[in-house]
Amino acid sequence: MDTTTSRRVPLVMGIAVLVLLLDQATKFWAESALTGRAPIPVLGEFLQFRLLYNPGAAFSIGAGSTWIFTIVAAVAVVMLARYGMQPQSRLRAIALALMLGGATTHLLDRLFRPPGFARGHVVDFIDYNGWFVGNVADIALVGGAILLVLLSFTPTKQPAS
């Protein structure tokens, strides 16, 4: 086994599990603290806590097709786990781990939250000035994706010939 691979597996899995635990813990908090309440300003109206249940994707797109998002999330988890286990730079592994954790926690929401198996709604509670409402998993997904894009602009090391 390549030593780079064996060192990256704990890093990828550790970060992914951390994202999953943080996301689920904050969703538990949001449901217990925000149910039936008006939005709570954090930074005025620019950033608020507001509890929503999202049956669709970003901006509630495809709200009637929740089962499709369940399949997409399952495929994403498998692909991200596969890529995350391959030899790569530490930063690339971190980016993939953030995305893996976010995709996994969204998949769990889709599978096990109401209204039913594979049709569950994602708990969103961070309102960004009314533009969209998200959660910790969304932050990890976007952060990981941005990091991957930034890394694509860095030159890769070529093996010496």
N, C-alpha and C. Protein backbone atom coordinates (compact mmCIF):
# COMPACT_ATOMS: atom_id res chain seq x y z
N MET A 1 0.85 -1.18 0.00
CA MET A 1 0.00 0.00 0.00
C MET A 1 0.89 1.24 0.00
N ASP A 2 0.53 2.19 -0.78
CA ASP A 2 1.26 3.45 -0.87
C ASP A 2 1.14 4.17 0.47
N THR A 3 2.27 4.66 1.01
CA THR A 3 2.21 5.32 2.32
C THR A 3 1.39 6.60 2.27
N THR A 4 1.36 7.28 1.11
CA THR A 4 0.53 8.48 0.98
C THR A 4 -0.93 8.11 1.17
N THR A 5 -1.35 6.99 0.57
CA THR A 5 -2.73 6.55 0.70
C THR A 5 -3.04 6.21 2.15
N SER A 6 -2.17 5.46 2.80
CA SER A 6 -2.47 5.04 4.16
C SER A 6 -2.51 6.23 5.12
N ARG A 7 -1.71 7.27 4.86
CA ARG A 7 -1.75 8.46 5.72
C ARG A 7 -2.98 9.29 5.46
N ARG A 8 -3.50 9.30 4.25
CA ARG A 8 -4.63 10.15 3.89
C ARG A 8 -5.97 9.55 4.34
N VAL A 9 -6.06 8.25 4.45
CA VAL A 9 -7.33 7.63 4.83
C VAL A 9 -7.80 8.14 6.19
N PRO A 10 -6.98 8.13 7.25
CA PRO A 10 -7.46 8.66 8.54
C PRO A 10 -7.81 10.15 8.46
N LEU A 11 -7.04 10.92 7.68
CA LEU A 11 -7.32 12.34 7.52
C LEU A 11 -8.68 12.55 6.86
N VAL A 12 -8.91 11.88 5.75
CA VAL A 12 -10.18 12.02 5.02
C VAL A 12 -11.35 11.55 5.89
N MET A 13 -11.22 10.39 6.48
CA MET A 13 -12.33 9.86 7.28
C MET A 13 -12.57 10.71 8.53
N GLY A 14 -11.49 11.17 9.16
CA GLY A 14 -11.64 12.00 10.37
C GLY A 14 -12.35 13.30 10.08
N ILE A 15 -11.95 13.99 9.02
CA ILE A 15 -12.61 15.26 8.67
C ILE A 15 -14.05 15.02 8.26
N ALA A 16 -14.29 13.97 7.46
CA ALA A 16 -15.67 13.67 7.02
C ALA A 16 -16.58 13.38 8.21
N VAL A 17 -16.09 12.60 9.16
CA VAL A 17 -16.89 12.28 10.36
C VAL A 17 -17.11 13.54 11.20
N LEU A 18 -16.09 14.38 11.32
CA LEU A 18 -16.23 15.63 12.07
C LEU A 18 -17.31 16.52 11.45
N VAL A 19 -17.30 16.66 10.12
CA VAL A 19 -18.33 17.45 9.44
C VAL A 19 -19.71 16.86 9.70
N LEU A 20 -19.82 15.54 9.59
CA LEU A 20 -21.10 14.87 9.81
C LEU A 20 -21.60 15.13 11.24
N LEU A 21 -20.73 14.97 12.23
CA LEU A 21 -21.14 15.17 13.62
C LEU A 21 -21.51 16.62 13.90
N LEU A 22 -20.71 17.57 13.40
CA LEU A 22 -21.03 18.99 13.60
C LEU A 22 -22.36 19.35 12.94
N ASP A 23 -22.56 18.86 11.73
CA ASP A 23 -23.79 19.17 11.02
C ASP A 23 -25.01 18.60 11.76
N GLN A 24 -24.95 17.35 12.13
CA GLN A 24 -26.09 16.73 12.80
C GLN A 24 -26.34 17.35 14.17
N ALA A 25 -25.27 17.70 14.89
CA ALA A 25 -25.44 18.34 16.20
C ALA A 25 -26.08 19.72 16.06
N THR A 26 -25.66 20.49 15.06
CA THR A 26 -26.24 21.82 14.88
C THR A 26 -27.68 21.73 14.39
N LYS A 27 -28.00 20.71 13.61
CA LYS A 27 -29.39 20.50 13.19
C LYS A 27 -30.27 20.12 14.38
N PHE A 28 -29.74 19.29 15.26
CA PHE A 28 -30.47 18.94 16.48
C PHE A 28 -30.73 20.19 17.30
N TRP A 29 -29.68 21.04 17.45
CA TRP A 29 -29.85 22.29 18.18
C TRP A 29 -30.91 23.16 17.50
N ALA A 30 -30.83 23.29 16.17
CA ALA A 30 -31.76 24.16 15.45
C ALA A 30 -33.20 23.70 15.64
N GLU A 31 -33.42 22.40 15.56
CA GLU A 31 -34.79 21.91 15.73
C GLU A 31 -35.30 22.12 17.15
N SER A 32 -34.43 21.99 18.14
CA SER A 32 -34.90 22.17 19.51
C SER A 32 -34.99 23.65 19.91
N ALA A 33 -34.17 24.50 19.33
CA ALA A 33 -34.15 25.91 19.74
C ALA A 33 -34.96 26.84 18.84
N LEU A 34 -35.18 26.43 17.59
CA LEU A 34 -35.79 27.37 16.63
C LEU A 34 -37.20 27.00 16.21
N THR A 35 -37.68 25.82 16.56
CA THR A 35 -39.03 25.42 16.16
C THR A 35 -40.06 26.39 16.71
N GLY A 36 -40.90 26.91 15.83
CA GLY A 36 -41.96 27.82 16.22
C GLY A 36 -41.51 29.22 16.58
N ARG A 37 -40.26 29.56 16.33
CA ARG A 37 -39.73 30.88 16.68
C ARG A 37 -39.50 31.73 15.45
N ALA A 38 -39.57 33.01 15.66
CA ALA A 38 -39.22 33.97 14.61
C ALA A 38 -37.71 33.88 14.38
N PRO A 39 -37.24 34.33 13.22
CA PRO A 39 -35.79 34.31 12.97
C PRO A 39 -35.02 35.05 14.07
N ILE A 40 -33.85 34.52 14.41
CA ILE A 40 -33.00 35.12 15.42
C ILE A 40 -31.84 35.82 14.71
N PRO A 41 -31.75 37.15 14.83
CA PRO A 41 -30.65 37.85 14.18
C PRO A 41 -29.30 37.50 14.82
N VAL A 42 -28.32 37.23 13.98
CA VAL A 42 -26.96 36.98 14.45
C VAL A 42 -26.10 38.19 14.09
N LEU A 43 -26.18 38.61 12.85
CA LEU A 43 -25.55 39.85 12.36
C LEU A 43 -26.64 40.68 11.70
N GLY A 44 -27.54 41.18 12.50
CA GLY A 44 -28.68 41.92 11.97
C GLY A 44 -29.51 41.00 11.07
N GLU A 45 -30.00 41.54 9.96
CA GLU A 45 -30.75 40.72 9.01
C GLU A 45 -29.83 40.02 8.02
N PHE A 46 -28.54 40.38 8.03
CA PHE A 46 -27.60 39.79 7.09
C PHE A 46 -27.39 38.30 7.37
N LEU A 47 -27.34 37.92 8.64
CA LEU A 47 -27.17 36.53 9.03
C LEU A 47 -28.12 36.25 10.19
N GLN A 48 -29.02 35.28 9.97
CA GLN A 48 -30.02 34.95 10.98
C GLN A 48 -30.12 33.43 11.12
N PHE A 49 -30.67 32.99 12.23
CA PHE A 49 -31.04 31.59 12.39
C PHE A 49 -32.54 31.49 12.14
N ARG A 50 -32.92 30.67 11.16
CA ARG A 50 -34.31 30.49 10.76
C ARG A 50 -34.47 29.02 10.36
N LEU A 51 -35.34 28.29 11.01
CA LEU A 51 -35.51 26.86 10.75
C LEU A 51 -36.40 26.62 9.53
N LEU A 52 -35.86 25.85 8.59
CA LEU A 52 -36.60 25.43 7.39
C LEU A 52 -36.31 23.96 7.12
N TYR A 53 -37.24 23.30 6.47
CA TYR A 53 -37.04 21.92 6.03
C TYR A 53 -37.07 21.92 4.51
N ASN A 54 -35.94 21.55 3.90
CA ASN A 54 -35.77 21.67 2.46
C ASN A 54 -35.94 20.31 1.78
N PRO A 55 -37.00 20.15 0.98
CA PRO A 55 -37.19 18.89 0.26
C PRO A 55 -36.37 18.83 -1.03
N GLY A 56 -35.83 19.96 -1.47
CA GLY A 56 -35.14 20.00 -2.75
C GLY A 56 -33.65 20.21 -2.59
N ALA A 57 -33.06 20.76 -3.64
CA ALA A 57 -31.63 21.08 -3.64
C ALA A 57 -31.47 22.53 -3.22
N ALA A 58 -30.34 23.12 -3.59
CA ALA A 58 -30.10 24.53 -3.26
C ALA A 58 -31.26 25.38 -3.76
N PHE A 59 -31.65 26.34 -2.95
CA PHE A 59 -32.76 27.25 -3.26
C PHE A 59 -34.08 26.50 -3.43
N SER A 60 -34.20 25.30 -2.84
CA SER A 60 -35.39 24.44 -2.92
C SER A 60 -35.74 24.02 -4.34
N ILE A 61 -34.75 24.00 -5.22
CA ILE A 61 -34.98 23.54 -6.59
C ILE A 61 -35.33 22.06 -6.56
N GLY A 62 -36.32 21.65 -7.31
CA GLY A 62 -36.71 20.26 -7.41
C GLY A 62 -37.37 19.72 -6.16
N ALA A 63 -38.15 20.54 -5.49
CA ALA A 63 -38.76 20.14 -4.22
C ALA A 63 -39.64 18.89 -4.36
N GLY A 64 -40.18 18.64 -5.54
CA GLY A 64 -41.02 17.46 -5.73
C GLY A 64 -40.25 16.21 -6.13
N SER A 65 -38.94 16.30 -6.19
CA SER A 65 -38.11 15.18 -6.65
C SER A 65 -37.08 14.78 -5.61
N THR A 66 -37.48 14.74 -4.36
CA THR A 66 -36.55 14.45 -3.27
C THR A 66 -35.83 13.12 -3.48
N TRP A 67 -36.51 12.12 -3.99
CA TRP A 67 -35.88 10.81 -4.18
C TRP A 67 -34.71 10.88 -5.16
N ILE A 68 -34.77 11.78 -6.12
CA ILE A 68 -33.65 11.95 -7.07
C ILE A 68 -32.43 12.48 -6.33
N PHE A 69 -32.64 13.42 -5.41
CA PHE A 69 -31.53 13.98 -4.64
C PHE A 69 -30.94 12.93 -3.72
N THR A 70 -31.75 11.99 -3.27
CA THR A 70 -31.24 10.89 -2.45
C THR A 70 -30.27 10.04 -3.27
N ILE A 71 -30.65 9.73 -4.50
CA ILE A 71 -29.78 8.94 -5.38
C ILE A 71 -28.51 9.71 -5.71
N VAL A 72 -28.64 10.99 -6.04
CA VAL A 72 -27.47 11.82 -6.36
C VAL A 72 -26.53 11.89 -5.16
N ALA A 73 -27.09 12.06 -3.95
CA ALA A 73 -26.25 12.12 -2.74
C ALA A 73 -25.53 10.79 -2.52
N ALA A 74 -26.21 9.67 -2.75
CA ALA A 74 -25.58 8.36 -2.57
C ALA A 74 -24.43 8.17 -3.56
N VAL A 75 -24.64 8.55 -4.80
CA VAL A 75 -23.57 8.45 -5.81
C VAL A 75 -22.40 9.36 -5.43
N ALA A 76 -22.71 10.58 -4.98
CA ALA A 76 -21.66 11.52 -4.58
C ALA A 76 -20.84 10.97 -3.42
N VAL A 77 -21.49 10.37 -2.44
CA VAL A 77 -20.77 9.80 -1.29
C VAL A 77 -19.81 8.70 -1.76
N VAL A 78 -20.29 7.82 -2.62
CA VAL A 78 -19.44 6.73 -3.11
C VAL A 78 -18.25 7.28 -3.89
N MET A 79 -18.50 8.22 -4.79
CA MET A 79 -17.42 8.78 -5.61
C MET A 79 -16.42 9.58 -4.77
N LEU A 80 -16.92 10.39 -3.86
CA LEU A 80 -16.02 11.18 -3.01
C LEU A 80 -15.19 10.28 -2.09
N ALA A 81 -15.78 9.22 -1.57
CA ALA A 81 -15.03 8.28 -0.73
C ALA A 81 -13.95 7.60 -1.57
N ARG A 82 -14.30 7.21 -2.76
CA ARG A 82 -13.33 6.56 -3.66
C ARG A 82 -12.17 7.49 -3.97
N TYR A 83 -12.47 8.72 -4.38
CA TYR A 83 -11.42 9.68 -4.71
C TYR A 83 -10.63 10.09 -3.46
N GLY A 84 -11.31 10.18 -2.35
CA GLY A 84 -10.65 10.59 -1.12
C GLY A 84 -9.63 9.59 -0.62
N MET A 85 -9.74 8.33 -1.03
CA MET A 85 -8.81 7.29 -0.60
C MET A 85 -7.59 7.17 -1.52
N GLN A 86 -7.61 7.85 -2.65
CA GLN A 86 -6.50 7.76 -3.60
C GLN A 86 -5.35 8.66 -3.17
N PRO A 87 -4.13 8.32 -3.60
CA PRO A 87 -2.98 9.17 -3.27
C PRO A 87 -3.16 10.58 -3.83
N GLN A 88 -2.88 11.58 -3.01
CA GLN A 88 -3.03 12.97 -3.41
C GLN A 88 -2.43 13.88 -2.36
N SER A 89 -2.43 15.16 -2.66
CA SER A 89 -1.88 16.12 -1.71
C SER A 89 -2.79 16.21 -0.48
N ARG A 90 -2.22 16.71 0.58
CA ARG A 90 -2.99 16.87 1.83
C ARG A 90 -4.17 17.83 1.61
N LEU A 91 -3.93 18.95 0.92
CA LEU A 91 -5.01 19.92 0.71
C LEU A 91 -6.14 19.34 -0.14
N ARG A 92 -5.79 18.57 -1.16
CA ARG A 92 -6.82 17.94 -1.98
C ARG A 92 -7.61 16.92 -1.15
N ALA A 93 -6.93 16.18 -0.30
CA ALA A 93 -7.61 15.22 0.58
C ALA A 93 -8.56 15.95 1.53
N ILE A 94 -8.14 17.09 2.04
CA ILE A 94 -9.01 17.88 2.94
C ILE A 94 -10.24 18.37 2.19
N ALA A 95 -10.05 18.86 0.97
CA ALA A 95 -11.18 19.34 0.17
C ALA A 95 -12.18 18.21 -0.07
N LEU A 96 -11.68 17.05 -0.46
CA LEU A 96 -12.57 15.90 -0.71
C LEU A 96 -13.24 15.44 0.57
N ALA A 97 -12.53 15.50 1.69
CA ALA A 97 -13.10 15.09 2.98
C ALA A 97 -14.24 16.02 3.40
N LEU A 98 -14.06 17.32 3.20
CA LEU A 98 -15.13 18.27 3.52
C LEU A 98 -16.38 17.96 2.69
N MET A 99 -16.17 17.71 1.41
CA MET A 99 -17.30 17.40 0.54
C MET A 99 -17.93 16.05 0.89
N LEU A 100 -17.10 15.07 1.24
CA LEU A 100 -17.61 13.75 1.64
C LEU A 100 -18.47 13.87 2.90
N GLY A 101 -18.00 14.61 3.88
CA GLY A 101 -18.78 14.78 5.11
C GLY A 101 -20.11 15.47 4.84
N GLY A 102 -20.08 16.53 4.03
CA GLY A 102 -21.31 17.25 3.70
C GLY A 102 -22.29 16.38 2.92
N ALA A 103 -21.79 15.65 1.94
CA ALA A 103 -22.66 14.79 1.14
C ALA A 103 -23.24 13.65 1.97
N THR A 104 -22.43 13.10 2.87
CA THR A 104 -22.90 11.99 3.72
C THR A 104 -24.01 12.44 4.65
N THR A 105 -23.85 13.59 5.27
CA THR A 105 -24.88 14.05 6.20
C THR A 105 -26.16 14.43 5.46
N HIS A 106 -26.03 14.96 4.25
CA HIS A 106 -27.23 15.23 3.45
C HIS A 106 -27.92 13.92 3.07
N LEU A 107 -27.13 12.91 2.72
CA LEU A 107 -27.70 11.60 2.39
C LEU A 107 -28.45 11.03 3.59
N LEU A 108 -27.88 11.13 4.78
CA LEU A 108 -28.56 10.64 5.98
C LEU A 108 -29.88 11.37 6.21
N ASP A 109 -29.88 12.69 5.98
CA ASP A 109 -31.14 13.44 6.10
C ASP A 109 -32.17 12.92 5.12
N ARG A 110 -31.76 12.72 3.88
CA ARG A 110 -32.68 12.23 2.85
C ARG A 110 -33.21 10.84 3.19
N LEU A 111 -32.37 10.01 3.76
CA LEU A 111 -32.78 8.64 4.06
C LEU A 111 -33.66 8.54 5.31
N PHE A 112 -33.34 9.31 6.35
CA PHE A 112 -33.96 9.02 7.65
C PHE A 112 -34.83 10.13 8.25
N ARG A 113 -34.91 11.27 7.64
CA ARG A 113 -35.77 12.33 8.20
C ARG A 113 -37.16 12.26 7.57
N PRO A 114 -38.15 12.86 8.25
CA PRO A 114 -39.49 12.93 7.67
C PRO A 114 -39.48 13.69 6.35
N PRO A 115 -40.35 13.38 5.43
CA PRO A 115 -41.57 12.61 5.61
C PRO A 115 -41.43 11.11 5.43
N GLY A 116 -40.25 10.59 5.05
CA GLY A 116 -40.12 9.15 4.91
C GLY A 116 -38.80 8.75 4.28
N PHE A 117 -38.54 7.46 4.29
CA PHE A 117 -37.29 6.92 3.79
C PHE A 117 -37.04 7.33 2.34
N ALA A 118 -35.84 7.86 2.10
CA ALA A 118 -35.37 8.31 0.78
C ALA A 118 -36.13 9.54 0.27
N ARG A 119 -36.97 10.12 1.13
CA ARG A 119 -37.71 11.33 0.76
C ARG A 119 -37.57 12.41 1.83
N GLY A 120 -36.61 12.22 2.73
CA GLY A 120 -36.45 13.13 3.85
C GLY A 120 -36.04 14.54 3.44
N HIS A 121 -36.42 15.48 4.27
CA HIS A 121 -36.09 16.88 4.04
C HIS A 121 -34.85 17.25 4.84
N VAL A 122 -34.00 18.07 4.24
CA VAL A 122 -32.78 18.53 4.89
C VAL A 122 -33.12 19.70 5.81
N VAL A 123 -32.57 19.68 7.02
CA VAL A 123 -32.77 20.76 7.98
C VAL A 123 -31.81 21.90 7.63
N ASP A 124 -32.36 23.06 7.33
CA ASP A 124 -31.57 24.26 7.06
C ASP A 124 -31.92 25.30 8.12
N PHE A 125 -30.92 26.07 8.55
CA PHE A 125 -31.21 27.05 9.60
C PHE A 125 -30.33 28.30 9.56
N ILE A 126 -29.36 28.38 8.68
CA ILE A 126 -28.51 29.57 8.61
C ILE A 126 -28.99 30.40 7.41
N ASP A 127 -29.65 31.51 7.71
CA ASP A 127 -30.25 32.37 6.67
C ASP A 127 -29.26 33.48 6.32
N TYR A 128 -28.86 33.48 5.06
CA TYR A 128 -27.90 34.47 4.56
C TYR A 128 -28.65 35.61 3.87
N ASN A 129 -29.11 36.56 4.66
CA ASN A 129 -29.75 37.77 4.16
C ASN A 129 -30.97 37.50 3.27
N GLY A 130 -31.62 36.37 3.47
CA GLY A 130 -32.77 36.04 2.65
C GLY A 130 -32.42 35.47 1.28
N TRP A 131 -31.14 35.40 0.95
CA TRP A 131 -30.73 34.86 -0.35
C TRP A 131 -30.91 33.35 -0.38
N PHE A 132 -30.50 32.68 0.68
CA PHE A 132 -30.68 31.24 0.81
C PHE A 132 -30.50 30.87 2.28
N VAL A 133 -30.98 29.69 2.62
CA VAL A 133 -30.85 29.17 3.98
C VAL A 133 -30.12 27.84 3.88
N GLY A 134 -29.09 27.67 4.68
CA GLY A 134 -28.27 26.46 4.59
C GLY A 134 -27.96 25.88 5.96
N ASN A 135 -26.91 25.08 6.00
CA ASN A 135 -26.50 24.41 7.22
C ASN A 135 -24.99 24.17 7.19
N VAL A 136 -24.46 23.49 8.19
CA VAL A 136 -23.03 23.25 8.28
C VAL A 136 -22.54 22.38 7.12
N ALA A 137 -23.33 21.39 6.71
CA ALA A 137 -22.94 20.54 5.59
C ALA A 137 -22.78 21.36 4.32
N ASP A 138 -23.65 22.33 4.11
CA ASP A 138 -23.53 23.20 2.93
C ASP A 138 -22.23 24.00 2.97
N ILE A 139 -21.87 24.48 4.15
CA ILE A 139 -20.62 25.24 4.29
C ILE A 139 -19.43 24.33 3.93
N ALA A 140 -19.45 23.09 4.42
CA ALA A 140 -18.37 22.15 4.12
C ALA A 140 -18.32 21.82 2.63
N LEU A 141 -19.49 21.59 2.02
CA LEU A 141 -19.54 21.28 0.58
C LEU A 141 -18.99 22.43 -0.26
N VAL A 142 -19.44 23.63 0.02
CA VAL A 142 -18.99 24.80 -0.74
C VAL A 142 -17.51 25.06 -0.47
N GLY A 143 -17.09 24.97 0.78
CA GLY A 143 -15.68 25.19 1.12
C GLY A 143 -14.78 24.17 0.44
N GLY A 144 -15.18 22.91 0.46
CA GLY A 144 -14.40 21.88 -0.22
C GLY A 144 -14.33 22.10 -1.72
N ALA A 145 -15.46 22.47 -2.32
CA ALA A 145 -15.49 22.72 -3.76
C ALA A 145 -14.61 23.91 -4.13
N ILE A 146 -14.67 24.98 -3.34
CA ILE A 146 -13.82 26.15 -3.61
C ILE A 146 -12.35 25.78 -3.49
N LEU A 147 -12.00 25.00 -2.47
CA LEU A 147 -10.62 24.58 -2.30
C LEU A 147 -10.15 23.74 -3.49
N LEU A 148 -11.00 22.83 -3.98
CA LEU A 148 -10.64 22.03 -5.16
C LEU A 148 -10.41 22.91 -6.38
N VAL A 149 -11.26 23.91 -6.57
CA VAL A 149 -11.08 24.83 -7.71
C VAL A 149 -9.77 25.59 -7.56
N LEU A 150 -9.50 26.10 -6.38
CA LEU A 150 -8.25 26.83 -6.16
C LEU A 150 -7.03 25.94 -6.40
N LEU A 151 -7.12 24.69 -5.97
CA LEU A 151 -6.01 23.76 -6.16
C LEU A 151 -5.80 23.43 -7.64
N SER A 152 -6.85 23.55 -8.43
CA SER A 152 -6.70 23.26 -9.86
C SER A 152 -5.82 24.29 -10.56
N PHE A 153 -5.61 25.44 -9.94
CA PHE A 153 -4.76 26.48 -10.52
C PHE A 153 -3.29 26.35 -10.09
N THR A 154 -3.01 25.42 -9.18
CA THR A 154 -1.63 25.24 -8.75
C THR A 154 -0.96 24.19 -9.63
N PRO A 155 0.28 24.40 -9.98
CA PRO A 155 0.96 23.42 -10.84
C PRO A 155 1.18 22.11 -10.10
N THR A 156 1.07 21.01 -10.82
CA THR A 156 1.34 19.71 -10.22
C THR A 156 2.80 19.37 -10.44
N LYS A 157 3.35 18.62 -9.49
CA LYS A 157 4.75 18.22 -9.60
C LYS A 157 4.88 17.11 -10.63
N GLN A 158 5.80 17.27 -11.56
CA GLN A 158 6.07 16.26 -12.57
C GLN A 158 7.17 15.34 -12.08
N PRO A 159 7.05 14.03 -12.30
CA PRO A 159 8.12 13.13 -11.87
C PRO A 159 9.40 13.41 -12.66
N ALA A 160 10.52 13.28 -11.98
CA ALA A 160 11.82 13.50 -12.64
C ALA A 160 12.07 12.38 -13.63
N SER A 161 12.61 12.75 -14.80
CA SER A 161 12.86 11.70 -15.80
C SER A 161 14.30 11.28 -15.83
